Amino acid sequence: YPNDREHLEEMWIDRMNRTLSALNEGNKY
């Protein structure tokens, strides 16, 4: 993601989605 404020939320969502998927909790949140 571009290193700026505009894309910060996208990055936050992506990293937690990946974390939850690794816990087999993907697509629940």
Full PDB file with SEQRES, HELIX, SHEET, SSBOND, CRYST1, ORIGX, SCALE, CONECT and MASTER records, all heavy atoms in Angstrom:
SEQRES   1 A   29  TYR PRO ASN ASP ARG GLU HIS LEU GLU GLU MET TRP ILE          
SEQRES   2 A   29  ASP ARG MET ASN ARG THR LEU SER ALA LEU ASN GLU GLY          
SEQRES   3 A   29  ASN LYS TYR                                                  
HELIX    1 AA1 ARG A    5  HIS A    7  5                                   3    
HELIX    2 AA2 LEU A    8  ALA A   22  1                                  15    
CRYST1    1.000    1.000    1.000  90.00  90.00  90.00 P 1           1          
ORIGX1      1.000000  0.000000  0.000000        0.00000                         
ORIGX2      0.000000  1.000000  0.000000        0.00000                         
ORIGX3      0.000000  0.000000  1.000000        0.00000                         
SCALE1      1.000000  0.000000  0.000000        0.00000                         
SCALE2      0.000000  1.000000  0.000000        0.00000                         
SCALE3      0.000000  0.000000  1.000000        0.00000                         
ATOM      1  N   TYR A   1       0.831  -1.205   0.000  1.00  0.00           N  
ATOM      2  CA  TYR A   1       0.000   0.000   0.000  1.00  0.00           C  
ATOM      3  C   TYR A   1       0.864   1.253   0.000  1.00  0.00           C  
ATOM      4  O   TYR A   1       1.947   1.259   0.597  1.00  0.00           O  
ATOM      5  CB  TYR A   1      -0.916   0.010   1.227  1.00  0.00           C  
ATOM      6  CG  TYR A   1      -1.953  -1.087   1.194  1.00  0.00           C  
ATOM      7  CD1 TYR A   1      -1.655  -2.365   1.679  1.00  0.00           C  
ATOM      8  CD2 TYR A   1      -3.211  -0.867   0.653  1.00  0.00           C  
ATOM      9  CE1 TYR A   1      -2.596  -3.392   1.633  1.00  0.00           C  
ATOM     10  CE2 TYR A   1      -4.164  -1.887   0.597  1.00  0.00           C  
ATOM     11  CZ  TYR A   1      -3.838  -3.145   1.088  1.00  0.00           C  
ATOM     12  OH  TYR A   1      -4.769  -4.148   1.031  1.00  0.00           O  
ATOM     13  N   PRO A   2       0.393   2.320  -0.658  1.00  0.00           N  
ATOM     14  CA  PRO A   2       1.118   3.594  -0.588  1.00  0.00           C  
ATOM     15  C   PRO A   2       1.279   4.032   0.856  1.00  0.00           C  
ATOM     16  O   PRO A   2       0.386   3.826   1.686  1.00  0.00           O  
ATOM     17  CB  PRO A   2       0.215   4.563  -1.366  1.00  0.00           C  
ATOM     18  CG  PRO A   2      -0.592   3.690  -2.273  1.00  0.00           C  
ATOM     19  CD  PRO A   2      -0.800   2.399  -1.518  1.00  0.00           C  
ATOM     20  N   ASN A   3       2.422   4.630   1.137  1.00  0.00           N  
ATOM     21  CA  ASN A   3       2.765   4.997   2.504  1.00  0.00           C  
ATOM     22  C   ASN A   3       2.114   6.322   2.876  1.00  0.00           C  
ATOM     23  O   ASN A   3       2.782   7.313   3.156  1.00  0.00           O  
ATOM     24  CB  ASN A   3       4.293   5.115   2.619  1.00  0.00           C  
ATOM     25  CG  ASN A   3       4.805   4.477   3.887  1.00  0.00           C  
ATOM     26  OD1 ASN A   3       4.074   4.323   4.853  1.00  0.00           O  
ATOM     27  ND2 ASN A   3       6.078   4.105   3.885  1.00  0.00           N  
ATOM     28  N   ASP A   4       0.776   6.368   2.850  1.00  0.00           N  
ATOM     29  CA  ASP A   4       0.102   7.625   3.152  1.00  0.00           C  
ATOM     30  C   ASP A   4      -1.163   7.356   3.961  1.00  0.00           C  
ATOM     31  O   ASP A   4      -1.616   6.221   4.098  1.00  0.00           O  
ATOM     32  CB  ASP A   4      -0.246   8.405   1.873  1.00  0.00           C  
ATOM     33  CG  ASP A   4      -1.059   7.583   0.884  1.00  0.00           C  
ATOM     34  OD1 ASP A   4      -1.918   6.795   1.331  1.00  0.00           O  
ATOM     35  OD2 ASP A   4      -0.841   7.717  -0.338  1.00  0.00           O  
ATOM     36  N   ARG A   5      -1.731   8.429   4.484  1.00  0.00           N  
ATOM     37  CA  ARG A   5      -2.886   8.318   5.374  1.00  0.00           C  
ATOM     38  C   ARG A   5      -4.116   7.779   4.640  1.00  0.00           C  
ATOM     39  O   ARG A   5      -4.931   7.053   5.227  1.00  0.00           O  
ATOM     40  CB  ARG A   5      -3.179   9.696   5.972  1.00  0.00           C  
ATOM     41  CG  ARG A   5      -4.279   9.695   7.009  1.00  0.00           C  
ATOM     42  CD  ARG A   5      -4.425  11.071   7.645  1.00  0.00           C  
ATOM     43  NE  ARG A   5      -5.455  11.082   8.659  1.00  0.00           N  
ATOM     44  CZ  ARG A   5      -5.774  12.147   9.373  1.00  0.00           C  
ATOM     45  NH1 ARG A   5      -5.114  13.278   9.188  1.00  0.00           N  
ATOM     46  NH2 ARG A   5      -6.734  12.089  10.282  1.00  0.00           N  
ATOM     47  N   GLU A   6      -4.255   8.116   3.356  1.00  0.00           N  
ATOM     48  CA  GLU A   6      -5.446   7.745   2.596  1.00  0.00           C  
ATOM     49  C   GLU A   6      -5.622   6.232   2.489  1.00  0.00           C  
ATOM     50  O   GLU A   6      -6.738   5.725   2.388  1.00  0.00           O  
ATOM     51  CB  GLU A   6      -5.408   8.367   1.198  1.00  0.00           C  
ATOM     52  CG  GLU A   6      -5.636   9.874   1.152  1.00  0.00           C  
ATOM     53  CD  GLU A   6      -4.454  10.679   1.659  1.00  0.00           C  
ATOM     54  OE1 GLU A   6      -3.332  10.113   1.717  1.00  0.00           O  
ATOM     55  OE2 GLU A   6      -4.638  11.860   2.021  1.00  0.00           O  
ATOM     56  N   HIS A   7      -4.508   5.499   2.495  1.00  0.00           N  
ATOM     57  CA  HIS A   7      -4.583   4.053   2.310  1.00  0.00           C  
ATOM     58  C   HIS A   7      -4.409   3.284   3.626  1.00  0.00           C  
ATOM     59  O   HIS A   7      -4.328   2.059   3.618  1.00  0.00           O  
ATOM     60  CB  HIS A   7      -3.514   3.591   1.312  1.00  0.00           C  
ATOM     61  CG  HIS A   7      -3.748   4.105  -0.072  1.00  0.00           C  
ATOM     62  ND1 HIS A   7      -3.331   5.353  -0.484  1.00  0.00           N  
ATOM     63  CD2 HIS A   7      -4.383   3.557  -1.141  1.00  0.00           C  
ATOM     64  CE1 HIS A   7      -3.678   5.539  -1.749  1.00  0.00           C  
ATOM     65  NE2 HIS A   7      -4.311   4.469  -2.166  1.00  0.00           N  
ATOM     66  N   LEU A   8      -4.360   4.010   4.727  1.00  0.00           N  
ATOM     67  CA  LEU A   8      -4.081   3.372   6.005  1.00  0.00           C  
ATOM     68  C   LEU A   8      -5.167   2.381   6.403  1.00  0.00           C  
ATOM     69  O   LEU A   8      -4.874   1.252   6.827  1.00  0.00           O  
ATOM     70  CB  LEU A   8      -3.914   4.450   7.086  1.00  0.00           C  
ATOM     71  CG  LEU A   8      -3.122   4.080   8.341  1.00  0.00           C  
ATOM     72  CD1 LEU A   8      -1.753   3.513   7.974  1.00  0.00           C  
ATOM     73  CD2 LEU A   8      -2.969   5.296   9.242  1.00  0.00           C  
ATOM     74  N   GLU A   9      -6.429   2.772   6.242  1.00  0.00           N  
ATOM     75  CA  GLU A   9      -7.517   1.877   6.635  1.00  0.00           C  
ATOM     76  C   GLU A   9      -7.528   0.608   5.789  1.00  0.00           C  
ATOM     77  O   GLU A   9      -7.800  -0.479   6.300  1.00  0.00           O  
ATOM     78  CB  GLU A   9      -8.859   2.601   6.540  1.00  0.00           C  
ATOM     79  CG  GLU A   9      -9.098   3.596   7.662  1.00  0.00           C  
ATOM     80  CD  GLU A   9     -10.537   4.075   7.722  1.00  0.00           C  
ATOM     81  OE1 GLU A   9     -11.341   3.680   6.840  1.00  0.00           O  
ATOM     82  OE2 GLU A   9     -10.871   4.842   8.640  1.00  0.00           O  
ATOM     83  N   GLU A  10      -7.237   0.736   4.497  1.00  0.00           N  
ATOM     84  CA  GLU A  10      -7.176  -0.446   3.628  1.00  0.00           C  
ATOM     85  C   GLU A  10      -6.120  -1.422   4.126  1.00  0.00           C  
ATOM     86  O   GLU A  10      -6.336  -2.640   4.135  1.00  0.00           O  
ATOM     87  CB  GLU A  10      -6.860  -0.029   2.191  1.00  0.00           C  
ATOM     88  CG  GLU A  10      -7.931   0.795   1.501  1.00  0.00           C  
ATOM     89  CD  GLU A  10      -7.495   1.202   0.107  1.00  0.00           C  
ATOM     90  OE1 GLU A  10      -6.980   0.343  -0.622  1.00  0.00           O  
ATOM     91  OE2 GLU A  10      -7.641   2.394  -0.233  1.00  0.00           O  
ATOM     92  N   MET A  11      -4.984  -0.881   4.503  1.00  0.00           N  
ATOM     93  CA  MET A  11      -3.900  -1.721   4.999  1.00  0.00           C  
ATOM     94  C   MET A  11      -4.294  -2.391   6.313  1.00  0.00           C  
ATOM     95  O   MET A  11      -4.056  -3.589   6.513  1.00  0.00           O  
ATOM     96  CB  MET A  11      -2.629  -0.888   5.189  1.00  0.00           C  
ATOM     97  CG  MET A  11      -1.371  -1.698   5.499  1.00  0.00           C  
ATOM     98  SD  MET A  11      -1.135  -2.035   7.252  1.00  0.00           S  
ATOM     99  CE  MET A  11      -0.630  -0.419   7.824  1.00  0.00           C  
ATOM    100  N   TRP A  12      -4.930  -1.635   7.213  1.00  0.00           N  
ATOM    101  CA  TRP A  12      -5.374  -2.200   8.494  1.00  0.00           C  
ATOM    102  C   TRP A  12      -6.342  -3.366   8.281  1.00  0.00           C  
ATOM    103  O   TRP A  12      -6.240  -4.400   8.934  1.00  0.00           O  
ATOM    104  CB  TRP A  12      -6.050  -1.120   9.331  1.00  0.00           C  
ATOM    105  CG  TRP A  12      -5.115  -0.104   9.908  1.00  0.00           C  
ATOM    106  CD1 TRP A  12      -3.765  -0.239  10.120  1.00  0.00           C  
ATOM    107  CD2 TRP A  12      -5.452   1.212  10.374  1.00  0.00           C  
ATOM    108  NE1 TRP A  12      -3.251   0.915  10.674  1.00  0.00           N  
ATOM    109  CE2 TRP A  12      -4.261   1.815  10.853  1.00  0.00           C  
ATOM    110  CE3 TRP A  12      -6.642   1.939  10.439  1.00  0.00           C  
ATOM    111  CZ2 TRP A  12      -4.242   3.106  11.385  1.00  0.00           C  
ATOM    112  CZ3 TRP A  12      -6.621   3.224  10.971  1.00  0.00           C  
ATOM    113  CH2 TRP A  12      -5.429   3.799  11.435  1.00  0.00           C  
ATOM    114  N   ILE A  13      -7.289  -3.176   7.357  1.00  0.00           N  
ATOM    115  CA  ILE A  13      -8.289  -4.219   7.087  1.00  0.00           C  
ATOM    116  C   ILE A  13      -7.622  -5.457   6.482  1.00  0.00           C  
ATOM    117  O   ILE A  13      -7.906  -6.591   6.879  1.00  0.00           O  
ATOM    118  CB  ILE A  13      -9.385  -3.681   6.146  1.00  0.00           C  
ATOM    119  CG1 ILE A  13     -10.223  -2.615   6.865  1.00  0.00           C  
ATOM    120  CG2 ILE A  13     -10.284  -4.810   5.643  1.00  0.00           C  
ATOM    121  CD1 ILE A  13     -11.140  -1.820   5.957  1.00  0.00           C  
ATOM    122  N   ASP A  14      -6.725  -5.233   5.548  1.00  0.00           N  
ATOM    123  CA  ASP A  14      -6.055  -6.350   4.877  1.00  0.00           C  
ATOM    124  C   ASP A  14      -5.246  -7.176   5.868  1.00  0.00           C  
ATOM    125  O   ASP A  14      -5.320  -8.422   5.876  1.00  0.00           O  
ATOM    126  CB  ASP A  14      -5.154  -5.812   3.762  1.00  0.00           C  
ATOM    127  CG  ASP A  14      -4.648  -6.912   2.831  1.00  0.00           C  
ATOM    128  OD1 ASP A  14      -4.974  -8.086   3.054  1.00  0.00           O  
ATOM    129  OD2 ASP A  14      -3.916  -6.574   1.874  1.00  0.00           O  
ATOM    130  N   ARG A  15      -4.475  -6.535   6.733  1.00  0.00           N  
ATOM    131  CA  ARG A  15      -3.622  -7.309   7.642  1.00  0.00           C  
ATOM    132  C   ARG A  15      -4.448  -8.104   8.649  1.00  0.00           C  
ATOM    133  O   ARG A  15      -4.097  -9.235   8.994  1.00  0.00           O  
ATOM    134  CB  ARG A  15      -2.613  -6.408   8.351  1.00  0.00           C  
ATOM    135  CG  ARG A  15      -3.175  -5.502   9.425  1.00  0.00           C  
ATOM    136  CD  ARG A  15      -2.069  -4.721  10.112  1.00  0.00           C  
ATOM    137  NE  ARG A  15      -2.605  -3.784  11.077  1.00  0.00           N  
ATOM    138  CZ  ARG A  15      -1.848  -2.923  11.759  1.00  0.00           C  
ATOM    139  NH1 ARG A  15      -0.545  -2.902  11.573  1.00  0.00           N  
ATOM    140  NH2 ARG A  15      -2.395  -2.094  12.620  1.00  0.00           N  
ATOM    141  N   MET A  16      -5.579  -7.542   9.112  1.00  0.00           N  
ATOM    142  CA  MET A  16      -6.404  -8.297  10.045  1.00  0.00           C  
ATOM    143  C   MET A  16      -7.161  -9.418   9.335  1.00  0.00           C  
ATOM    144  O   MET A  16      -7.327 -10.507   9.890  1.00  0.00           O  
ATOM    145  CB  MET A  16      -7.376  -7.374  10.780  1.00  0.00           C  
ATOM    146  CG  MET A  16      -8.219  -8.100  11.837  1.00  0.00           C  
ATOM    147  SD  MET A  16      -7.237  -9.117  13.007  1.00  0.00           S  
ATOM    148  CE  MET A  16      -6.511  -7.848  14.023  1.00  0.00           C  
ATOM    149  N   ASN A  17      -7.612  -9.180   8.103  1.00  0.00           N  
ATOM    150  CA  ASN A  17      -8.236 -10.258   7.340  1.00  0.00           C  
ATOM    151  C   ASN A  17      -7.288 -11.440   7.183  1.00  0.00           C  
ATOM    152  O   ASN A  17      -7.686 -12.601   7.318  1.00  0.00           O  
ATOM    153  CB  ASN A  17      -8.672  -9.753   5.955  1.00  0.00           C  
ATOM    154  CG  ASN A  17     -10.075  -9.177   5.960  1.00  0.00           C  
ATOM    155  OD1 ASN A  17     -10.940  -9.651   6.693  1.00  0.00           O  
ATOM    156  ND2 ASN A  17     -10.312  -8.171   5.132  1.00  0.00           N  
ATOM    157  N   ARG A  18      -6.028 -11.138   6.900  1.00  0.00           N  
ATOM    158  CA  ARG A  18      -5.036 -12.211   6.736  1.00  0.00           C  
ATOM    159  C   ARG A  18      -4.775 -12.916   8.074  1.00  0.00           C  
ATOM    160  O   ARG A  18      -4.581 -14.137   8.107  1.00  0.00           O  
ATOM    161  CB  ARG A  18      -3.737 -11.641   6.170  1.00  0.00           C  
ATOM    162  CG  ARG A  18      -3.872 -11.120   4.745  1.00  0.00           C  
ATOM    163  CD  ARG A  18      -2.558 -10.552   4.234  1.00  0.00           C  
ATOM    164  NE  ARG A  18      -2.720  -9.906   2.934  1.00  0.00           N  
ATOM    165  CZ  ARG A  18      -1.856 -10.038   1.930  1.00  0.00           C  
ATOM    166  NH1 ARG A  18      -0.788 -10.781   2.066  1.00  0.00           N  
ATOM    167  NH2 ARG A  18      -2.069  -9.424   0.773  1.00  0.00           N  
ATOM    168  N   THR A  19      -4.751 -12.146   9.138  1.00  0.00           N  
ATOM    169  CA  THR A  19      -4.549 -12.736  10.463  1.00  0.00           C  
ATOM    170  C   THR A  19      -5.703 -13.658  10.818  1.00  0.00           C  
ATOM    171  O   THR A  19      -5.499 -14.798  11.262  1.00  0.00           O  
ATOM    172  CB  THR A  19      -4.414 -11.627  11.523  1.00  0.00           C  
ATOM    173  OG1 THR A  19      -3.313 -10.770  11.201  1.00  0.00           O  
ATOM    174  CG2 THR A  19      -4.188 -12.225  12.904  1.00  0.00           C  
ATOM    175  N   LEU A  20      -6.920 -13.183  10.608  1.00  0.00           N  
ATOM    176  CA  LEU A  20      -8.103 -13.986  10.921  1.00  0.00           C  
ATOM    177  C   LEU A  20      -8.190 -15.231  10.042  1.00  0.00           C  
ATOM    178  O   LEU A  20      -8.586 -16.312  10.504  1.00  0.00           O  
ATOM    179  CB  LEU A  20      -9.366 -13.137  10.768  1.00  0.00           C  
ATOM    180  CG  LEU A  20      -9.521 -11.994  11.780  1.00  0.00           C  
ATOM    181  CD1 LEU A  20     -10.675 -11.080  11.381  1.00  0.00           C  
ATOM    182  CD2 LEU A  20      -9.717 -12.533  13.186  1.00  0.00           C  
ATOM    183  N   SER A  21      -7.815 -15.101   8.782  1.00  0.00           N  
ATOM    184  CA  SER A  21      -7.825 -16.267   7.882  1.00  0.00           C  
ATOM    185  C   SER A  21      -6.857 -17.333   8.358  1.00  0.00           C  
ATOM    186  O   SER A  21      -7.155 -18.536   8.292  1.00  0.00           O  
ATOM    187  CB  SER A  21      -7.471 -15.824   6.460  1.00  0.00           C  
ATOM    188  OG  SER A  21      -8.491 -15.008   5.920  1.00  0.00           O  
ATOM    189  N   ALA A  22      -5.700 -16.903   8.861  1.00  0.00           N  
ATOM    190  CA  ALA A  22      -4.713 -17.856   9.372  1.00  0.00           C  
ATOM    191  C   ALA A  22      -5.220 -18.573  10.620  1.00  0.00           C  
ATOM    192  O   ALA A  22      -4.751 -19.676  10.945  1.00  0.00           O  
ATOM    193  CB  ALA A  22      -3.400 -17.141   9.671  1.00  0.00           C  
ATOM    194  N   LEU A  23      -6.185 -17.957  11.296  1.00  0.00           N  
ATOM    195  CA  LEU A  23      -6.805 -18.573  12.472  1.00  0.00           C  
ATOM    196  C   LEU A  23      -8.050 -19.377  12.104  1.00  0.00           C  
ATOM    197  O   LEU A  23      -8.774 -19.827  12.992  1.00  0.00           O  
ATOM    198  CB  LEU A  23      -7.201 -17.486  13.480  1.00  0.00           C  
ATOM    199  CG  LEU A  23      -6.080 -16.666  14.116  1.00  0.00           C  
ATOM    200  CD1 LEU A  23      -6.670 -15.537  14.958  1.00  0.00           C  
ATOM    201  CD2 LEU A  23      -5.172 -17.540  14.969  1.00  0.00           C  
ATOM    202  N   ASN A  24      -8.289 -19.509  10.793  1.00  0.00           N  
ATOM    203  CA  ASN A  24      -9.506 -20.160  10.291  1.00  0.00           C  
ATOM    204  C   ASN A  24     -10.765 -19.414  10.724  1.00  0.00           C  
ATOM    205  O   ASN A  24     -11.818 -20.016  10.968  1.00  0.00           O  
ATOM    206  CB  ASN A  24      -9.573 -21.628  10.757  1.00  0.00           C  
ATOM    207  CG  ASN A  24      -8.459 -22.478  10.189  1.00  0.00           C  
ATOM    208  OD1 ASN A  24      -8.119 -22.364   9.010  1.00  0.00           O  
ATOM    209  ND2 ASN A  24      -7.865 -23.309  11.034  1.00  0.00           N  
ATOM    210  N   GLU A  25     -10.614 -18.107  10.819  1.00  0.00           N  
ATOM    211  CA  GLU A  25     -11.736 -17.241  11.191  1.00  0.00           C  
ATOM    212  C   GLU A  25     -12.064 -16.272  10.050  1.00  0.00           C  
ATOM    213  O   GLU A  25     -12.740 -15.264  10.265  1.00  0.00           O  
ATOM    214  CB  GLU A  25     -11.413 -16.455  12.461  1.00  0.00           C  
ATOM    215  CG  GLU A  25     -11.205 -17.301  13.702  1.00  0.00           C  
ATOM    216  CD  GLU A  25     -12.497 -17.861  14.263  1.00  0.00           C  
ATOM    217  OE1 GLU A  25     -13.580 -17.375  13.875  1.00  0.00           O  
ATOM    218  OE2 GLU A  25     -12.431 -18.787  15.102  1.00  0.00           O  
ATOM    219  N   GLY A  26     -11.580 -16.565   8.863  1.00  0.00           N  
ATOM    220  CA  GLY A  26     -11.809 -15.681   7.735  1.00  0.00           C  
ATOM    221  C   GLY A  26     -13.273 -15.627   7.328  1.00  0.00           C  
ATOM    222  O   GLY A  26     -14.034 -16.568   7.555  1.00  0.00           O  
ATOM    223  N   ASN A  27     -13.680 -14.506   6.756  1.00  0.00           N  
ATOM    224  CA  ASN A  27     -15.038 -14.277   6.253  1.00  0.00           C  
ATOM    225  C   ASN A  27     -16.107 -14.230   7.350  1.00  0.00           C  
ATOM    226  O   ASN A  27     -17.302 -14.245   7.051  1.00  0.00           O  
ATOM    227  CB  ASN A  27     -15.429 -15.353   5.224  1.00  0.00           C  
ATOM    228  CG  ASN A  27     -14.485 -15.377   4.037  1.00  0.00           C  
ATOM    229  OD1 ASN A  27     -14.084 -14.329   3.530  1.00  0.00           O  
ATOM    230  ND2 ASN A  27     -14.122 -16.572   3.601  1.00  0.00           N  
ATOM    231  N   LYS A  28     -15.700 -14.187   8.603  1.00  0.00           N  
ATOM    232  CA  LYS A  28     -16.660 -14.090   9.702  1.00  0.00           C  
ATOM    233  C   LYS A  28     -16.811 -12.652  10.214  1.00  0.00           C  
ATOM    234  O   LYS A  28     -17.764 -12.353  10.930  1.00  0.00           O  
ATOM    235  CB  LYS A  28     -16.241 -14.990  10.857  1.00  0.00           C  
ATOM    236  CG  LYS A  28     -16.242 -16.484  10.535  1.00  0.00           C  
ATOM    237  CD  LYS A  28     -15.847 -17.298  11.750  1.00  0.00           C  
ATOM    238  CE  LYS A  28     -15.797 -18.788  11.417  1.00  0.00           C  
ATOM    239  NZ  LYS A  28     -15.404 -19.582  12.612  1.00  0.00           N  
ATOM    240  N   TYR A  29     -15.859 -11.802   9.857  1.00  0.00           N  
ATOM    241  CA  TYR A  29     -15.838 -10.447  10.386  1.00  0.00           C  
ATOM    242  C   TYR A  29     -15.672  -9.458   9.245  1.00  0.00           C  
ATOM    243  O   TYR A  29     -14.728  -9.579   8.451  1.00  0.00           O  
ATOM    244  CB  TYR A  29     -14.700 -10.298  11.401  1.00  0.00           C  
ATOM    245  CG  TYR A  29     -14.803 -11.296  12.535  1.00  0.00           C  
ATOM    246  CD1 TYR A  29     -14.143 -12.535  12.468  1.00  0.00           C  
ATOM    247  CD2 TYR A  29     -15.587 -11.033  13.647  1.00  0.00           C  
ATOM    248  CE1 TYR A  29     -14.256 -13.465  13.481  1.00  0.00           C  
ATOM    249  CE2 TYR A  29     -15.711 -11.960  14.680  1.00  0.00           C  
ATOM    250  CZ  TYR A  29     -15.037 -13.176  14.590  1.00  0.00           C  
ATOM    251  OH  TYR A  29     -15.156 -14.089  15.596  1.00  0.00           O  
TER     252      TYR A  29                                                      
MASTER        0    0    0    2    0    0    0    6  251    1    0    3          
END                                                                             
